[in-house]
Structure formats: structure tokens, C-alpha cells
Amino acid sequence: MTTIIYTIILSVAVGFLLGLLLGLFKKIFAVEVDPKISAIREVLSGGNCGGCGYAGCDAFAAAVVAGEAPVTGCVAGGPSVAAAIAKVLGADAGSAEKKAVVLMCQGSKECAKDKGIYEGVQTCTAVQSAVGGIKACAFGCIGLGDCVAQCQFGALKMSADGLPVVDYKKCVGCGKCVKACPKHLFKLQNVEVKGAVALCACHNENKPQIKKDCAAGCFKCGICAKKCPQQAIDVSSGIPQIDYSKCDSCGTCISACPDKVLKLLQDIVK
């Protein structure tokens, strides 16, 4: 019994001594942190999404204080966080764009044909590396959800039609899905921009083949550019590109498009 008591006393004494030593070492070897870094870290979104270009919120906060990153760099936080950071630094918040992603493809299971059966690793990246995709359209969404797996804000989910769907109430524009998609089908878009956008990424020059591969594909007829009263559409690259400094959202191109490829951004990013 005495041995047990002595053991308990010794254990408590050793634990107490180690606690004192750890506290002492912490003070001796402590690295002083700029209080501005801590203050900025507190106002950040905390998502550690990497959308700012840094490894996480801590790294971004340090970069802002060092003058290596702009106060508007937290894409997940948007203008409100930029203003809070600027207040900490006593600087001007500048103009922070609120961004979200748009899927540049409408090749659902109903519209886009499969070119075969794939039984390998079930990720878009694996399919792209192995066979270049599973759809007849070489540019279409593979539909295995690599983008969904990377979205830590719950803003993406796979729909029954085989395409990812964006929840714009949750999307912060971090860009992780943009990097995850091997087909490069997501586009980061300033949500304040208004105008038409072509939801297709098919650059196939063989027009008859386009419709065989995907009923929702852009046929490259150029009617949208011809009908646009503002001459805001360029089709030289194959996919209609809109000059938003000219586009007034009149909707003429949308009505004229026989493939229903064009939509208004403001109707998509609500």
C-alpha cells in the first residue's frame, strides 16, 4: 500500500515538474507573432481553401501583413472580409470581387452519348488519364465528381443527370473545383457581371459530329454573333465569347441560338 502511495506522489511530482519545464521552455523559445497577423486571421473565413493562393488562412494573414498579398485576396470572404482586413491594417479595402463558378457544359446523360464502358478507378482524373473521358464528346463533363470531392463548402453535388450542380448560396469562388476538373469545365466568374455566356466547351470543328456526340453542344453556326445588336459576340475560337463591356443582356442571342447554349449569367449565378 505504501509503495502505491509513493508511486502516486512521485507521478504527480514528475508531472508538475514537467509542466513547469514546458511552460518555461515555451516562454524562452516563443516566437513573437505580429498582433496584426492574429487580428487578420480572426476575420478570415477559416476555410483554409487555398483560393487566395496560399497554403491556408495563417499563411495568407502573414502574407498580407508582409505586403505580399492584397487585402482583397480572401475570395471565400469577399468584400466584407476585405473591408475587415483593411480596417486592421488601416488601409483602403479597394475593390474585392465576389466570385462563383459556372459549369461550361450541358452534356447530361440524356444529351451526351457514352463512347464505351469504363471499369477502372472511378475518378474523373483517372478516366482522363486512362482513356481521355467516357463520353463521345472529348470536351464534355466526365461526371464522376472530382469537383464535388474537392468542394469543402458543400456548394457542389452530383445530379441525377450526371452533371455537377452549383449551390450559389454556398459557393465562395475558392476555385478548388476549377483545379480539380481535368476537362477545365469550371469558370470563375464575377457574380456582379451581367450578360450572356455559352455553356459549352466543345471545340470540335466537325459540325455533324458535334450533334451526334451531344445534343446540347454548340453547333458553331454563328447565328448568335450575327443577331447580336451590340456586336458583343466573337465566335472565332469556335465557342461564342462575350465582350461584357458591350453586352447589355438583351437576350437576342439566347432566343436566336438553335442549340440553347447561351444563358444569362445573372440567371445562373443568383
C-alpha atoms as a PDB file:
ATOM      1  CA  MET A   1       0.000   0.000   0.000  1.00  0.00           C
ATOM      2  CA  THR A   2       2.873   2.330   0.897  1.00  0.00           C
ATOM      3  CA  THR A   3       4.510   1.588  -2.454  1.00  0.00           C
ATOM      4  CA  ILE A   4       1.344   2.597  -4.302  1.00  0.00           C
ATOM      5  CA  ILE A   5       1.116   5.900  -2.386  1.00  0.00           C
ATOM      6  CA  TYR A   6       4.770   6.709  -3.050  1.00  0.00           C
ATOM      7  CA  THR A   7       4.245   5.930  -6.748  1.00  0.00           C
ATOM      8  CA  ILE A   8       1.266   8.270  -6.979  1.00  0.00           C
ATOM      9  CA  ILE A   9       3.136  11.066  -5.179  1.00  0.00           C
ATOM     10  CA  LEU A  10       6.164  10.603  -7.430  1.00  0.00           C
ATOM     11  CA  SER A  11       3.986  10.635 -10.579  1.00  0.00           C
ATOM     12  CA  VAL A  12       2.265  13.852  -9.520  1.00  0.00           C
ATOM     13  CA  ALA A  13       5.620  15.460  -8.676  1.00  0.00           C
ATOM     14  CA  VAL A  14       7.135  14.458 -12.031  1.00  0.00           C
ATOM     15  CA  GLY A  15       4.046  15.704 -13.900  1.00  0.00           C
ATOM     16  CA  PHE A  16       4.167  19.011 -12.045  1.00  0.00           C
ATOM     17  CA  LEU A  17       7.880  19.409 -12.786  1.00  0.00           C
ATOM     18  CA  LEU A  18       7.415  18.617 -16.467  1.00  0.00           C
ATOM     19  CA  GLY A  19       4.563  21.147 -16.654  1.00  0.00           C
ATOM     20  CA  LEU A  20       6.800  23.846 -15.177  1.00  0.00           C
ATOM     21  CA  LEU A  21       9.600  22.994 -17.590  1.00  0.00           C
ATOM     22  CA  LEU A  22       7.273  23.063 -20.605  1.00  0.00           C
ATOM     23  CA  GLY A  23       5.922  26.439 -19.557  1.00  0.00           C
ATOM     24  CA  LEU A  24       9.448  27.754 -19.099  1.00  0.00           C
ATOM     25  CA  PHE A  25      10.603  26.431 -22.484  1.00  0.00           C
ATOM     26  CA  LYS A  26       7.535  27.961 -24.141  1.00  0.00           C
ATOM     27  CA  LYS A  27       8.479  31.387 -22.826  1.00  0.00           C
ATOM     28  CA  ILE A  28      12.160  31.023 -23.681  1.00  0.00           C
ATOM     29  CA  PHE A  29      11.651  29.743 -27.224  1.00  0.00           C
ATOM     30  CA  ALA A  30       8.420  31.597 -28.047  1.00  0.00           C
ATOM     31  CA  VAL A  31       8.316  33.268 -31.462  1.00  0.00           C
ATOM     32  CA  GLU A  32       6.691  36.663 -31.270  1.00  0.00           C
ATOM     33  CA  VAL A  33       3.722  36.964 -33.632  1.00  0.00           C
ATOM     34  CA  ASP A  34       2.721  40.295 -35.093  1.00  0.00           C
ATOM     35  CA  PRO A  35      -0.647  41.126 -33.485  1.00  0.00           C
ATOM     36  CA  LYS A  36      -1.901  42.243 -36.904  1.00  0.00           C
ATOM     37  CA  ILE A  37      -1.461  38.699 -38.210  1.00  0.00           C
ATOM     38  CA  SER A  38      -3.590  37.341 -35.378  1.00  0.00           C
ATOM     39  CA  ALA A  39      -6.196  40.056 -35.909  1.00  0.00           C
ATOM     40  CA  ILE A  40      -6.430  39.330 -39.644  1.00  0.00           C
ATOM     41  CA  ARG A  41      -6.576  35.588 -39.007  1.00  0.00           C
ATOM     42  CA  GLU A  42      -9.611  36.196 -36.788  1.00  0.00           C
ATOM     43  CA  VAL A  43     -11.614  37.929 -39.534  1.00  0.00           C
ATOM     44  CA  LEU A  44     -10.870  35.366 -42.272  1.00  0.00           C
ATOM     45  CA  SER A  45     -13.400  32.740 -43.310  1.00  0.00           C
ATOM     46  CA  GLY A  46     -11.356  29.928 -41.751  1.00  0.00           C
ATOM     47  CA  GLY A  47     -11.946  27.620 -44.692  1.00  0.00           C
ATOM     48  CA  ASN A  48      -8.243  27.124 -45.463  1.00  0.00           C
ATOM     49  CA  CYS A  49      -9.463  26.638 -49.038  1.00  0.00           C
ATOM     50  CA  GLY A  50      -6.334  27.929 -50.754  1.00  0.00           C
ATOM     51  CA  GLY A  51      -8.322  30.217 -53.031  1.00  0.00           C
ATOM     52  CA  CYS A  52      -6.026  33.068 -52.047  1.00  0.00           C
ATOM     53  CA  GLY A  53      -3.033  31.225 -53.469  1.00  0.00           C
ATOM     54  CA  TYR A  54      -1.530  30.394 -50.074  1.00  0.00           C
ATOM     55  CA  ALA A  55      -1.433  27.165 -48.089  1.00  0.00           C
ATOM     56  CA  GLY A  56      -4.098  28.325 -45.676  1.00  0.00           C
ATOM     57  CA  CYS A  57      -5.526  31.230 -43.693  1.00  0.00           C
ATOM     58  CA  ASP A  58      -2.471  31.529 -41.424  1.00  0.00           C
ATOM     59  CA  ALA A  59      -0.109  31.819 -44.383  1.00  0.00           C
ATOM     60  CA  PHE A  60      -2.374  34.325 -46.101  1.00  0.00           C
ATOM     61  CA  ALA A  61      -2.644  36.506 -42.983  1.00  0.00           C
ATOM     62  CA  ALA A  62       1.146  36.597 -42.668  1.00  0.00           C
ATOM     63  CA  ALA A  63       1.487  37.433 -46.369  1.00  0.00           C
ATOM     64  CA  VAL A  64      -0.977  40.325 -46.102  1.00  0.00           C
ATOM     65  CA  VAL A  65       0.912  41.866 -43.182  1.00  0.00           C
ATOM     66  CA  ALA A  66       4.205  41.397 -45.064  1.00  0.00           C
ATOM     67  CA  GLY A  67       2.730  43.202 -48.048  1.00  0.00           C
ATOM     68  CA  GLU A  68       2.968  40.102 -50.234  1.00  0.00           C
ATOM     69  CA  ALA A  69      -0.789  39.557 -50.627  1.00  0.00           C
ATOM     70  CA  PRO A  70      -3.621  42.036 -51.251  1.00  0.00           C
ATOM     71  CA  VAL A  71      -6.314  42.735 -48.677  1.00  0.00           C
ATOM     72  CA  THR A  72      -8.814  41.524 -51.269  1.00  0.00           C
ATOM     73  CA  GLY A  73      -7.114  38.115 -51.549  1.00  0.00           C
ATOM     74  CA  CYS A  74      -9.604  36.115 -49.469  1.00  0.00           C
ATOM     75  CA  VAL A  75     -12.013  35.030 -52.189  1.00  0.00           C
ATOM     76  CA  ALA A  76     -14.060  32.998 -49.740  1.00  0.00           C
ATOM     77  CA  GLY A  77     -14.703  36.039 -47.571  1.00  0.00           C
ATOM     78  CA  GLY A  78     -15.371  38.511 -50.349  1.00  0.00           C
ATOM     79  CA  PRO A  79     -15.806  42.274 -49.876  1.00  0.00           C
ATOM     80  CA  SER A  80     -16.816  42.105 -46.200  1.00  0.00           C
ATOM     81  CA  VAL A  81     -13.625  40.277 -45.197  1.00  0.00           C
ATOM     82  CA  ALA A  82     -11.536  42.596 -47.374  1.00  0.00           C
ATOM     83  CA  ALA A  83     -13.009  45.562 -45.517  1.00  0.00           C
ATOM     84  CA  ALA A  84     -12.254  43.928 -42.146  1.00  0.00           C
ATOM     85  CA  ILE A  85      -8.647  43.235 -43.164  1.00  0.00           C
ATOM     86  CA  ALA A  86      -8.236  46.796 -44.398  1.00  0.00           C
ATOM     87  CA  LYS A  87      -9.530  48.075 -41.062  1.00  0.00           C
ATOM     88  CA  VAL A  88      -6.878  46.054 -39.217  1.00  0.00           C
ATOM     89  CA  LEU A  89      -4.157  47.446 -41.456  1.00  0.00           C
ATOM     90  CA  GLY A  90      -5.570  50.960 -41.624  1.00  0.00           C
ATOM     91  CA  ALA A  91      -5.620  50.700 -45.409  1.00  0.00           C
ATOM     92  CA  ASP A  92      -8.061  51.033 -48.287  1.00  0.00           C
ATOM     93  CA  ALA A  93     -10.038  47.866 -48.989  1.00  0.00           C
ATOM     94  CA  GLY A  94     -10.040  48.568 -52.703  1.00  0.00           C
ATOM     95  CA  SER A  95     -12.386  46.596 -54.925  1.00  0.00           C
ATOM     96  CA  ALA A  96     -12.996  42.969 -53.984  1.00  0.00           C
ATOM     97  CA  GLU A  97     -14.876  40.850 -56.479  1.00  0.00           C
ATOM     98  CA  LYS A  98     -17.340  38.247 -55.260  1.00  0.00           C
ATOM     99  CA  LYS A  99     -16.819  35.222 -57.450  1.00  0.00           C
ATOM    100  CA  ALA A 100     -18.570  31.943 -58.125  1.00  0.00           C
ATOM    101  CA  VAL A 101     -18.073  29.097 -60.568  1.00  0.00           C
ATOM    102  CA  VAL A 102     -20.069  28.299 -63.681  1.00  0.00           C
ATOM    103  CA  LEU A 103     -20.052  24.868 -65.328  1.00  0.00           C
ATOM    104  CA  MET A 104     -19.369  25.343 -69.039  1.00  0.00           C
ATOM    105  CA  CYS A 105     -21.102  22.158 -70.137  1.00  0.00           C
ATOM    106  CA  GLN A 106     -24.662  20.911 -70.565  1.00  0.00           C
ATOM    107  CA  GLY A 107     -23.713  17.395 -71.641  1.00  0.00           C
ATOM    108  CA  SER A 108     -26.017  15.453 -69.344  1.00  0.00           C
ATOM    109  CA  LYS A 109     -26.653  11.708 -69.616  1.00  0.00           C
ATOM    110  CA  GLU A 110     -29.689  12.460 -71.756  1.00  0.00           C
ATOM    111  CA  CYS A 111     -27.808  14.733 -74.157  1.00  0.00           C
ATOM    112  CA  ALA A 112     -24.298  13.290 -74.363  1.00  0.00           C
ATOM    113  CA  LYS A 113     -23.557   9.749 -75.529  1.00  0.00           C
ATOM    114  CA  ASP A 114     -21.006   7.483 -73.850  1.00  0.00           C
ATOM    115  CA  LYS A 115     -18.279   6.114 -76.079  1.00  0.00           C
ATOM    116  CA  GLY A 116     -17.981   2.880 -74.110  1.00  0.00           C
ATOM    117  CA  ILE A 117     -17.923   1.287 -70.667  1.00  0.00           C
ATOM    118  CA  TYR A 118     -15.174   2.254 -68.227  1.00  0.00           C
ATOM    119  CA  GLU A 119     -14.458  -0.059 -65.296  1.00  0.00           C
ATOM    120  CA  GLY A 120     -11.277   1.453 -63.866  1.00  0.00           C
ATOM    121  CA  VAL A 121     -10.725   3.858 -60.964  1.00  0.00           C
ATOM    122  CA  GLN A 122     -13.890   5.929 -60.611  1.00  0.00           C
ATOM    123  CA  THR A 123     -12.497   9.448 -60.680  1.00  0.00           C
ATOM    124  CA  CYS A 124     -12.534  11.999 -63.479  1.00  0.00           C
ATOM    125  CA  THR A 125      -8.762  12.386 -63.308  1.00  0.00           C
ATOM    126  CA  ALA A 126      -8.216   8.637 -63.660  1.00  0.00           C
ATOM    127  CA  VAL A 127     -10.616   8.396 -66.595  1.00  0.00           C
ATOM    128  CA  GLN A 128      -8.994  11.347 -68.314  1.00  0.00           C
ATOM    129  CA  SER A 129      -5.535   9.831 -67.902  1.00  0.00           C
ATOM    130  CA  ALA A 130      -6.617   6.362 -68.987  1.00  0.00           C
ATOM    131  CA  VAL A 131      -8.971   6.911 -71.900  1.00  0.00           C
ATOM    132  CA  GLY A 132      -9.447  10.665 -72.270  1.00  0.00           C
ATOM    133  CA  GLY A 133     -13.013  10.606 -70.977  1.00  0.00           C
ATOM    134  CA  ILE A 134     -16.027   8.321 -71.203  1.00  0.00           C
ATOM    135  CA  LYS A 135     -18.241  10.472 -73.403  1.00  0.00           C
ATOM    136  CA  ALA A 136     -18.212  10.656 -77.179  1.00  0.00           C
ATOM    137  CA  CYS A 137     -17.639  14.398 -76.810  1.00  0.00           C
ATOM    138  CA  ALA A 138     -13.973  14.679 -75.883  1.00  0.00           C
ATOM    139  CA  PHE A 139     -14.619  18.017 -74.189  1.00  0.00           C
ATOM    140  CA  GLY A 140     -17.621  17.086 -72.022  1.00  0.00           C
ATOM    141  CA  CYS A 141     -18.014  16.574 -68.289  1.00  0.00           C
ATOM    142  CA  ILE A 142     -16.921  13.091 -67.216  1.00  0.00           C
ATOM    143  CA  GLY A 143     -19.360  13.203 -64.317  1.00  0.00           C
ATOM    144  CA  LEU A 144     -17.572  11.247 -61.581  1.00  0.00           C
ATOM    145  CA  GLY A 145     -17.474  14.131 -59.109  1.00  0.00           C
ATOM    146  CA  ASP A 146     -13.826  15.089 -58.570  1.00  0.00           C
ATOM    147  CA  CYS A 147     -15.099  18.651 -58.238  1.00  0.00           C
ATOM    148  CA  VAL A 148     -17.627  17.644 -55.565  1.00  0.00           C
ATOM    149  CA  ALA A 149     -14.939  15.834 -53.576  1.00  0.00           C
ATOM    150  CA  GLN A 150     -12.780  18.974 -53.533  1.00  0.00           C
ATOM    151  CA  CYS A 151     -15.515  21.424 -52.518  1.00  0.00           C
ATOM    152  CA  GLN A 152     -15.249  21.883 -48.762  1.00  0.00           C
ATOM    153  CA  PHE A 153     -18.130  24.342 -48.598  1.00  0.00           C
ATOM    154  CA  GLY A 154     -20.785  21.860 -49.731  1.00  0.00           C
ATOM    155  CA  ALA A 155     -21.571  24.006 -52.771  1.00  0.00           C
ATOM    156  CA  LEU A 156     -21.410  21.166 -55.303  1.00  0.00           C
ATOM    157  CA  LYS A 157     -23.367  17.963 -55.695  1.00  0.00           C
ATOM    158  CA  MET A 158     -23.837  15.461 -58.497  1.00  0.00           C
ATOM    159  CA  SER A 159     -27.292  15.473 -60.027  1.00  0.00           C
ATOM    160  CA  ALA A 160     -29.184  12.522 -61.447  1.00  0.00           C
ATOM    161  CA  ASP A 161     -28.390  13.704 -64.980  1.00  0.00           C
ATOM    162  CA  GLY A 162     -24.658  13.165 -64.413  1.00  0.00           C
ATOM    163  CA  LEU A 163     -23.608  16.796 -64.104  1.00  0.00           C
ATOM    164  CA  PRO A 164     -22.429  18.694 -61.004  1.00  0.00           C
ATOM    165  CA  VAL A 165     -24.820  21.356 -59.722  1.00  0.00           C
ATOM    166  CA  VAL A 166     -23.625  24.533 -58.001  1.00  0.00           C
ATOM    167  CA  ASP A 167     -25.416  25.854 -54.926  1.00  0.00           C
ATOM    168  CA  TYR A 168     -24.747  29.581 -55.272  1.00  0.00           C
ATOM    169  CA  LYS A 169     -25.790  30.255 -51.700  1.00  0.00           C
ATOM    170  CA  LYS A 170     -22.742  28.265 -50.597  1.00  0.00           C
ATOM    171  CA  CYS A 171     -20.208  28.809 -53.407  1.00  0.00           C
ATOM    172  CA  VAL A 172     -17.428  31.182 -52.307  1.00  0.00           C
ATOM    173  CA  GLY A 173     -15.414  31.108 -55.514  1.00  0.00           C
ATOM    174  CA  CYS A 174     -12.368  29.432 -53.972  1.00  0.00           C
ATOM    175  CA  GLY A 175     -11.543  27.761 -57.292  1.00  0.00           C
ATOM    176  CA  LYS A 176     -10.801  24.268 -55.984  1.00  0.00           C
ATOM    177  CA  CYS A 177     -13.273  22.708 -58.410  1.00  0.00           C
ATOM    178  CA  VAL A 178     -11.633  24.659 -61.229  1.00  0.00           C
ATOM    179  CA  LYS A 179      -8.326  22.969 -60.441  1.00  0.00           C
ATOM    180  CA  ALA A 180      -9.909  19.562 -59.833  1.00  0.00           C
ATOM    181  CA  CYS A 181     -11.706  19.298 -63.185  1.00  0.00           C
ATOM    182  CA  PRO A 182      -9.432  17.566 -65.734  1.00  0.00           C
ATOM    183  CA  LYS A 183     -11.606  18.914 -68.550  1.00  0.00           C
ATOM    184  CA  HIS A 184     -11.303  22.518 -67.280  1.00  0.00           C
ATOM    185  CA  LEU A 185     -15.063  22.992 -67.414  1.00  0.00           C
ATOM    186  CA  PHE A 186     -15.486  25.351 -64.469  1.00  0.00           C
ATOM    187  CA  LYS A 187     -15.041  29.075 -64.950  1.00  0.00           C
ATOM    188  CA  LEU A 188     -14.626  31.538 -62.079  1.00  0.00           C
ATOM    189  CA  GLN A 189     -16.965  34.414 -62.715  1.00  0.00           C
ATOM    190  CA  ASN A 190     -17.510  37.770 -61.041  1.00  0.00           C
ATOM    191  CA  VAL A 191     -21.103  37.498 -59.826  1.00  0.00           C
ATOM    192  CA  GLU A 192     -21.712  41.201 -60.488  1.00  0.00           C
ATOM    193  CA  VAL A 193     -21.066  40.790 -64.222  1.00  0.00           C
ATOM    194  CA  LYS A 194     -24.199  40.570 -66.328  1.00  0.00           C
ATOM    195  CA  GLY A 195     -24.539  39.249 -69.833  1.00  0.00           C
ATOM    196  CA  ALA A 196     -24.704  36.092 -71.903  1.00  0.00           C
ATOM    197  CA  VAL A 197     -22.445  33.063 -71.560  1.00  0.00           C
ATOM    198  CA  ALA A 198     -22.069  29.988 -73.762  1.00  0.00           C
ATOM    199  CA  LEU A 199     -22.410  26.800 -71.721  1.00  0.00           C
ATOM    200  CA  CYS A 200     -20.342  24.572 -73.968  1.00  0.00           C
ATOM    201  CA  ALA A 201     -16.648  23.704 -74.186  1.00  0.00           C
ATOM    202  CA  CYS A 202     -16.688  21.636 -77.385  1.00  0.00           C
ATOM    203  CA  HIS A 203     -14.068  22.806 -79.858  1.00  0.00           C
ATOM    204  CA  ASN A 204     -14.707  20.030 -82.350  1.00  0.00           C
ATOM    205  CA  GLU A 205     -14.577  21.503 -85.875  1.00  0.00           C
ATOM    206  CA  ASN A 206     -16.555  18.600 -87.332  1.00  0.00           C
ATOM    207  CA  LYS A 207     -20.048  20.115 -87.124  1.00  0.00           C
ATOM    208  CA  PRO A 208     -22.086  16.998 -87.987  1.00  0.00           C
ATOM    209  CA  GLN A 209     -20.174  15.040 -85.342  1.00  0.00           C
ATOM    210  CA  ILE A 210     -20.972  17.588 -82.649  1.00  0.00           C
ATOM    211  CA  LYS A 211     -24.679  16.779 -82.670  1.00  0.00           C
ATOM    212  CA  LYS A 212     -24.014  13.045 -82.866  1.00  0.00           C
ATOM    213  CA  ASP A 213     -21.912  13.279 -79.706  1.00  0.00           C
ATOM    214  CA  CYS A 214     -24.039  15.718 -77.721  1.00  0.00           C
ATOM    215  CA  ALA A 215     -27.481  17.148 -78.381  1.00  0.00           C
ATOM    216  CA  ALA A 216     -26.634  20.165 -76.200  1.00  0.00           C
ATOM    217  CA  GLY A 217     -23.383  21.027 -77.973  1.00  0.00           C
ATOM    218  CA  CYS A 218     -22.712  24.327 -79.735  1.00  0.00           C
ATOM    219  CA  PHE A 219     -23.053  23.723 -83.483  1.00  0.00           C
ATOM    220  CA  LYS A 220     -20.910  26.783 -84.262  1.00  0.00           C
ATOM    221  CA  CYS A 221     -23.466  28.249 -86.639  1.00  0.00           C
ATOM    222  CA  GLY A 222     -22.542  31.808 -85.641  1.00  0.00           C
ATOM    223  CA  ILE A 223     -26.162  32.974 -85.558  1.00  0.00           C
ATOM    224  CA  CYS A 224     -25.652  34.470 -82.094  1.00  0.00           C
ATOM    225  CA  ALA A 225     -22.894  36.759 -83.363  1.00  0.00           C
ATOM    226  CA  LYS A 226     -24.880  37.737 -86.449  1.00  0.00           C
ATOM    227  CA  LYS A 227     -28.005  38.579 -84.450  1.00  0.00           C
ATOM    228  CA  CYS A 228     -26.289  40.447 -81.598  1.00  0.00           C
ATOM    229  CA  PRO A 229     -27.277  44.136 -81.949  1.00  0.00           C
ATOM    230  CA  GLN A 230     -24.287  45.214 -79.847  1.00  0.00           C
ATOM    231  CA  GLN A 231     -21.754  43.111 -81.795  1.00  0.00           C
ATOM    232  CA  ALA A 232     -20.609  41.738 -78.440  1.00  0.00           C
ATOM    233  CA  ILE A 233     -20.031  38.124 -79.528  1.00  0.00           C
ATOM    234  CA  ASP A 234     -16.903  36.660 -81.114  1.00  0.00           C
ATOM    235  CA  VAL A 235     -17.090  33.113 -82.486  1.00  0.00           C
ATOM    236  CA  SER A 236     -13.601  32.916 -83.993  1.00  0.00           C
ATOM    237  CA  SER A 237     -12.456  30.405 -81.341  1.00  0.00           C
ATOM    238  CA  GLY A 238     -15.409  28.099 -82.034  1.00  0.00           C
ATOM    239  CA  ILE A 239     -17.178  28.842 -78.757  1.00  0.00           C
ATOM    240  CA  PRO A 240     -19.042  32.175 -78.502  1.00  0.00           C
ATOM    241  CA  GLN A 241     -17.048  34.626 -76.395  1.00  0.00           C
ATOM    242  CA  ILE A 242     -18.904  37.617 -74.991  1.00  0.00           C
ATOM    243  CA  ASP A 243     -17.486  41.113 -74.561  1.00  0.00           C
ATOM    244  CA  TYR A 244     -19.188  42.175 -71.333  1.00  0.00           C
ATOM    245  CA  SER A 245     -18.301  45.806 -71.908  1.00  0.00           C
ATOM    246  CA  LYS A 246     -20.720  45.696 -74.861  1.00  0.00           C
ATOM    247  CA  CYS A 247     -23.307  43.087 -73.828  1.00  0.00           C
ATOM    248  CA  ASP A 248     -26.484  44.637 -72.409  1.00  0.00           C
ATOM    249  CA  SER A 249     -28.300  41.365 -71.595  1.00  0.00           C
ATOM    250  CA  CYS A 250     -30.899  41.981 -74.278  1.00  0.00           C
ATOM    251  CA  GLY A 251     -31.295  38.222 -74.776  1.00  0.00           C
ATOM    252  CA  THR A 252     -31.339  38.342 -78.573  1.00  0.00           C
ATOM    253  CA  CYS A 253     -28.567  35.753 -78.866  1.00  0.00           C
ATOM    254  CA  ILE A 254     -30.315  33.464 -76.390  1.00  0.00           C
ATOM    255  CA  SER A 255     -33.520  33.493 -78.412  1.00  0.00           C
ATOM    256  CA  ALA A 256     -31.620  33.047 -81.676  1.00  0.00           C
ATOM    257  CA  CYS A 257     -29.437  30.122 -80.572  1.00  0.00           C
ATOM    258  CA  PRO A 258     -30.915  26.900 -82.018  1.00  0.00           C
ATOM    259  CA  ASP A 259     -28.888  24.778 -79.591  1.00  0.00           C
ATOM    260  CA  LYS A 260     -29.948  26.661 -76.429  1.00  0.00           C
ATOM    261  CA  VAL A 261     -26.294  27.010 -75.473  1.00  0.00           C
ATOM    262  CA  LEU A 262     -26.438  30.647 -74.406  1.00  0.00           C
ATOM    263  CA  LYS A 263     -27.776  31.740 -70.998  1.00  0.00           C
ATOM    264  CA  LEU A 264     -27.692  34.936 -68.994  1.00  0.00           C
ATOM    265  CA  LEU A 265     -25.079  34.870 -66.246  1.00  0.00           C
ATOM    266  CA  GLN A 266     -27.346  36.713 -63.833  1.00  0.00           C
ATOM    267  CA  ASP A 267     -29.944  33.968 -64.244  1.00  0.00           C
ATOM    268  CA  ILE A 268     -27.348  31.281 -63.480  1.00  0.00           C
ATOM    269  CA  VAL A 269     -25.499  32.925 -60.596  1.00  0.00           C
ATOM    270  CA  LYS A 270     -28.435  34.005 -58.465  1.00  0.00           C
END
